[in-house]
């Protein structure tokens, strides 16, 4: 077993993945891992903990955290723990963690921070493209985009996530066209609103930078960051994947 970003790094993983005879398997942390984390937080004085997790429809992390909360309540019943299913992945999930952290550092009330995260869930969206969907398909994460697997090699599929499940959003003849379609899709959704964007990629920073150039020229982006997918997520997308996770500011 190799712990994500602890025993294996991104560069080595993405270099080896295309030649792998079998897709590496991933596993969620167990309840014991979460209990250990909750305990370490309480040891340094935390009385309220917000545990934010990727979609329960693609991972067992949320269920494990829920079980951990129940067990931890028997140990330290006075510690408040809120476990949240973001119904999303990647930096859509990441943005919620960032915004919650900022609110916590600003000493906002526990329930207000929870409300902030839950407010973001339905308006945070992911779009991404790659040269192939074989990794999503092989990993069983293809969701409702299964029909795109048999597309011609020169077709670039665009996928997103809806209610925690991967969905197809369209196809393009080139990466450039796919990126332009992404801008158009986001433009229609946000309708002039200011947005925060995380440009995500799997060993494809140059492609993510191309997406940023298009977004900056056509949309009102008030904050942006770059993020490379960790092996635990990149194993399901494959190297070369590029896209973004965004949400409108409010």
Protein backbone atom coordinates (compact mmCIF):
# COMPACT_ATOMS: atom_id res chain seq x y z
CA UNK A 1 0.00 0.00 0.00
CA UNK A 2 1.31 3.44 -0.95
CA UNK A 3 -0.07 6.53 0.77
CA UNK A 4 -0.99 9.31 -1.63
CA UNK A 5 1.79 11.95 -1.80
CA UNK A 6 3.57 10.28 1.15
CA UNK A 7 5.16 7.20 -0.40
CA UNK A 8 4.60 8.04 -4.07
CA UNK A 9 4.91 11.44 -5.76
CA UNK A 10 3.01 12.89 -8.71
CA UNK A 11 5.87 12.92 -11.23
CA UNK A 12 6.78 9.28 -10.71
CA UNK A 13 3.16 8.16 -10.73
CA UNK A 14 2.16 9.94 -13.95
CA UNK A 15 5.33 8.80 -15.69
CA UNK A 16 4.56 5.16 -14.91
CA UNK A 17 0.78 5.14 -15.29
CA UNK A 18 0.54 4.90 -19.14
CA UNK A 19 2.62 1.71 -19.16
CA UNK A 20 0.82 0.04 -16.26
CA UNK A 21 -0.67 -3.32 -17.22
CA UNK A 22 -3.38 -2.94 -14.60
CA UNK A 23 -4.92 0.25 -13.27
CA UNK A 24 -3.68 0.92 -9.71
CA UNK A 25 -6.44 0.59 -7.14
CA UNK A 26 -7.35 3.24 -4.61
CA UNK A 27 -8.84 2.88 -1.15
CA UNK A 28 -10.46 5.39 1.16
CA UNK A 29 -9.17 6.03 4.69
CA UNK A 30 -10.95 3.89 7.28
CA UNK A 31 -12.83 5.12 10.35
CA UNK A 32 -9.68 4.61 12.41
CA UNK A 33 -7.81 7.15 10.30
CA UNK A 34 -10.48 9.76 10.95
CA UNK A 35 -10.66 8.98 14.65
CA UNK A 36 -6.91 9.51 14.83
CA UNK A 37 -7.25 12.87 13.09
CA UNK A 38 -10.18 13.99 15.25
CA UNK A 39 -8.19 12.98 18.32
CA UNK A 40 -5.13 14.94 17.22
CA UNK A 41 -7.29 18.03 16.67
CA UNK A 42 -8.93 17.73 20.06
CA UNK A 43 -5.49 17.27 21.63
CA UNK A 44 -4.51 20.77 20.49
CA UNK A 45 -7.72 22.31 21.78
CA UNK A 46 -10.28 21.96 19.00
CA UNK A 47 -13.84 21.84 20.29
CA UNK A 48 -15.55 22.02 16.89
CA UNK A 49 -14.46 20.08 13.80
CA UNK A 50 -15.79 20.32 10.24
CA UNK A 51 -14.85 17.21 8.24
CA UNK A 52 -15.26 17.90 4.49
CA UNK A 53 -15.26 15.02 2.00
CA UNK A 54 -15.40 14.19 -1.69
CA UNK A 55 -18.59 12.78 -3.19
CA UNK A 56 -20.02 9.80 -1.37
CA UNK A 57 -21.09 8.44 -4.76
CA UNK A 58 -17.49 7.85 -5.80
CA UNK A 59 -15.71 7.24 -2.51
CA UNK A 60 -16.27 5.62 0.85
CA UNK A 61 -14.53 8.47 2.69
CA UNK A 62 -17.75 10.17 3.75
CA UNK A 63 -19.24 6.97 5.17
CA UNK A 64 -15.99 6.21 7.00
CA UNK A 65 -15.96 9.69 8.52
CA UNK A 66 -19.59 9.34 9.61
CA UNK A 67 -18.76 6.07 11.34
CA UNK A 68 -15.73 7.69 12.96
CA UNK A 69 -17.84 10.56 14.28
CA UNK A 70 -20.21 8.11 15.97
CA UNK A 71 -17.36 6.20 17.57
CA UNK A 72 -15.54 9.38 18.60
CA UNK A 73 -18.68 10.68 20.29
CA UNK A 74 -18.37 7.83 22.75
CA UNK A 75 -14.83 8.91 23.59
CA UNK A 76 -15.27 12.70 23.70
CA UNK A 77 -18.99 13.54 23.48
CA UNK A 78 -18.42 17.27 24.00
CA UNK A 79 -16.49 17.68 20.72
CA UNK A 80 -18.78 18.86 17.92
CA UNK A 81 -18.07 17.20 14.57
CA UNK A 82 -19.90 18.04 11.34
CA UNK A 83 -19.25 15.65 8.43
CA UNK A 84 -20.06 17.10 5.00
CA UNK A 85 -20.51 15.30 1.68
CA UNK A 86 -19.54 17.84 -1.01
CA UNK A 87 -20.96 15.70 -3.84
CA UNK A 88 -17.90 16.78 -5.77
CA UNK A 89 -14.20 16.12 -6.22
CA UNK A 90 -10.90 17.77 -6.96
CA UNK A 91 -10.68 21.52 -6.35
CA UNK A 92 -14.46 21.96 -6.16
CA UNK A 93 -14.06 20.05 -2.92
CA UNK A 94 -10.81 21.97 -2.36
CA UNK A 95 -12.43 25.39 -2.72
CA UNK A 96 -14.89 24.47 0.02
CA UNK A 97 -12.01 23.58 2.32
CA UNK A 98 -10.23 26.83 1.50
CA UNK A 99 -13.30 28.98 2.09
CA UNK A 100 -14.11 27.15 5.33
CA UNK A 101 -10.54 27.65 6.52
CA UNK A 102 -10.66 31.35 5.75
CA UNK A 103 -13.92 31.67 7.65
CA UNK A 104 -12.48 29.77 10.62
CA UNK A 105 -9.39 31.99 10.68
CA UNK A 106 -11.75 34.98 10.71
CA UNK A 107 -13.37 33.49 13.83
CA UNK A 108 -16.76 33.02 12.20
CA UNK A 109 -19.23 30.84 14.13
CA UNK A 110 -19.21 27.07 13.62
CA UNK A 111 -22.71 26.95 12.13
CA UNK A 112 -21.98 29.86 9.80
CA UNK A 113 -18.97 28.04 8.37
CA UNK A 114 -21.04 24.90 7.87
CA UNK A 115 -23.67 26.99 6.11
CA UNK A 116 -21.02 28.56 3.88
CA UNK A 117 -19.76 25.15 2.73
CA UNK A 118 -23.25 23.82 2.10
CA UNK A 119 -24.09 26.96 0.15
CA UNK A 120 -21.15 26.25 -2.15
CA UNK A 121 -22.06 22.63 -2.88
CA UNK A 122 -24.72 23.22 -5.57
CA UNK A 123 -22.82 26.07 -7.30
CA UNK A 124 -19.31 24.58 -7.45
CA UNK A 125 -18.62 22.87 -10.77
CA UNK A 126 -15.89 20.89 -12.48
CA UNK A 127 -15.13 20.67 -16.19
CA UNK A 128 -12.25 18.71 -17.65
CA UNK A 129 -11.03 17.11 -20.83
CA UNK A 130 -8.42 14.53 -21.78
CA UNK A 131 -7.30 12.53 -24.78
CA UNK A 132 -9.08 9.46 -23.45
CA UNK A 133 -11.71 8.39 -20.94
CA UNK A 134 -10.21 4.94 -20.54
CA UNK A 135 -8.95 5.67 -17.03
CA UNK A 136 -12.36 6.80 -15.80
CA UNK A 137 -13.87 3.74 -17.44
CA UNK A 138 -11.30 1.27 -16.10
CA UNK A 139 -11.63 2.70 -12.60
CA UNK A 140 -15.42 2.46 -12.62
CA UNK A 141 -15.83 6.25 -12.25
CA UNK A 142 -17.28 6.93 -15.71
CA UNK A 143 -20.78 7.64 -14.36
CA UNK A 144 -23.20 8.91 -16.99
CA UNK A 145 -20.45 9.60 -19.56
CA UNK A 146 -20.04 5.94 -20.51
CA UNK A 147 -21.31 6.49 -24.04
CA UNK A 148 -18.27 8.68 -24.82
CA UNK A 149 -15.77 5.88 -24.27
CA UNK A 150 -16.10 4.64 -27.82
CA UNK A 151 -15.54 8.07 -29.38
CA UNK A 152 -13.00 8.48 -32.15
CA UNK A 153 -9.42 9.11 -31.06
CA UNK A 154 -9.47 12.70 -32.34
CA UNK A 155 -12.50 13.58 -30.23
CA UNK A 156 -11.83 15.40 -26.96
CA UNK A 157 -14.58 14.60 -24.44
CA UNK A 158 -15.67 17.20 -21.90
CA UNK A 159 -16.97 15.85 -18.62
CA UNK A 160 -18.30 17.39 -15.45
CA UNK A 161 -20.09 16.30 -12.32
CA UNK A 162 -23.74 16.53 -11.37
CA UNK A 163 -25.05 15.48 -7.97
CA UNK A 164 -21.88 13.57 -7.26
CA UNK A 165 -21.72 11.61 -10.53
CA UNK A 166 -19.57 12.14 -13.66
CA UNK A 167 -21.62 13.37 -16.64
CA UNK A 168 -20.86 14.13 -20.29
CA UNK A 169 -20.97 17.80 -21.30
CA UNK A 170 -19.91 17.54 -24.92
CA UNK A 171 -17.10 16.70 -27.33
CA UNK A 172 -14.67 18.77 -29.36
CA UNK A 173 -12.31 18.13 -32.26
CA UNK A 174 -9.27 19.58 -30.50
CA UNK A 175 -8.12 20.63 -27.07
CA UNK A 176 -8.35 24.28 -28.08
CA UNK A 177 -11.96 23.83 -29.12
CA UNK A 178 -12.66 21.93 -25.89
CA UNK A 179 -11.25 24.82 -23.84
CA UNK A 180 -13.36 27.31 -25.76
CA UNK A 181 -16.45 25.20 -25.11
CA UNK A 182 -15.60 25.18 -21.41
CA UNK A 183 -15.52 28.97 -21.37
CA UNK A 184 -18.89 29.09 -23.11
CA UNK A 185 -20.43 26.58 -20.68
CA UNK A 186 -19.17 28.46 -17.65
CA UNK A 187 -20.20 31.81 -19.13
CA UNK A 188 -23.79 30.65 -19.49
CA UNK A 189 -23.87 29.26 -15.94
CA UNK A 190 -22.41 32.27 -14.14
CA UNK A 191 -24.07 34.88 -16.39
CA UNK A 192 -21.62 37.68 -15.65
CA UNK A 193 -20.98 36.83 -12.00
CA UNK A 194 -17.48 37.03 -10.55
CA UNK A 195 -15.92 33.61 -10.13
CA UNK A 196 -13.05 31.87 -8.40
CA UNK A 197 -11.29 29.24 -10.49
CA UNK A 198 -8.83 26.44 -9.77
CA UNK A 199 -7.10 25.23 -12.92
CA UNK A 200 -6.46 21.54 -12.41
CA UNK A 201 -4.35 19.11 -14.39
CA UNK A 202 -2.59 15.76 -14.33
CA UNK A 203 0.98 16.26 -15.57
CA UNK A 204 -0.36 18.92 -17.97
CA UNK A 205 0.44 22.34 -16.51
CA UNK A 206 0.90 23.93 -19.94
CA UNK A 207 -2.62 22.88 -20.92
CA UNK A 208 -4.04 24.30 -17.68
CA UNK A 209 -2.27 27.58 -18.42
CA UNK A 210 -3.94 27.69 -21.84
CA UNK A 211 -7.33 27.34 -20.16
CA UNK A 212 -6.49 30.17 -17.77
CA UNK A 213 -5.59 32.47 -20.65
CA UNK A 214 -9.01 31.92 -22.23
CA UNK A 215 -10.87 32.34 -18.94
CA UNK A 216 -9.02 35.53 -18.03
CA UNK A 217 -9.86 37.07 -21.39
CA UNK A 218 -13.58 36.30 -21.32
CA UNK A 219 -14.77 35.85 -17.74
CA UNK A 220 -14.58 37.89 -14.53
CA UNK A 221 -12.12 35.77 -12.54
CA UNK A 222 -11.35 37.36 -9.16
CA UNK A 223 -9.12 34.60 -7.79
CA UNK A 224 -7.34 31.68 -9.41
CA UNK A 225 -4.91 28.94 -8.48
CA UNK A 226 -3.25 25.99 -10.19
CA UNK A 227 -3.50 22.51 -8.72
CA UNK A 228 -2.09 19.22 -9.96
CA UNK A 229 -4.24 16.20 -9.23
CA UNK A 230 -2.80 13.81 -6.69
CA UNK A 231 -2.33 10.14 -7.73
CA UNK A 232 -5.52 9.12 -5.88
CA UNK A 233 -7.54 11.25 -8.32
CA UNK A 234 -5.20 11.19 -11.31
CA UNK A 235 -5.39 7.41 -11.54
CA UNK A 236 -9.00 7.85 -12.68
CA UNK A 237 -8.33 10.65 -15.20
CA UNK A 238 -4.92 9.76 -16.57
CA UNK A 239 -1.98 12.03 -17.44
CA UNK A 240 -2.80 14.88 -19.81
CA UNK A 241 -6.10 15.73 -18.16
CA UNK A 242 -6.77 19.46 -17.83
CA UNK A 243 -9.74 21.48 -16.68
CA UNK A 244 -11.04 23.68 -13.92
CA UNK A 245 -13.18 23.84 -10.81
CA UNK A 246 -15.06 27.08 -10.21
CA UNK A 247 -17.77 28.74 -8.19
CA UNK A 248 -19.41 32.19 -8.28
CA UNK A 249 -18.56 34.52 -5.42
CA UNK A 250 -21.36 35.56 -3.12
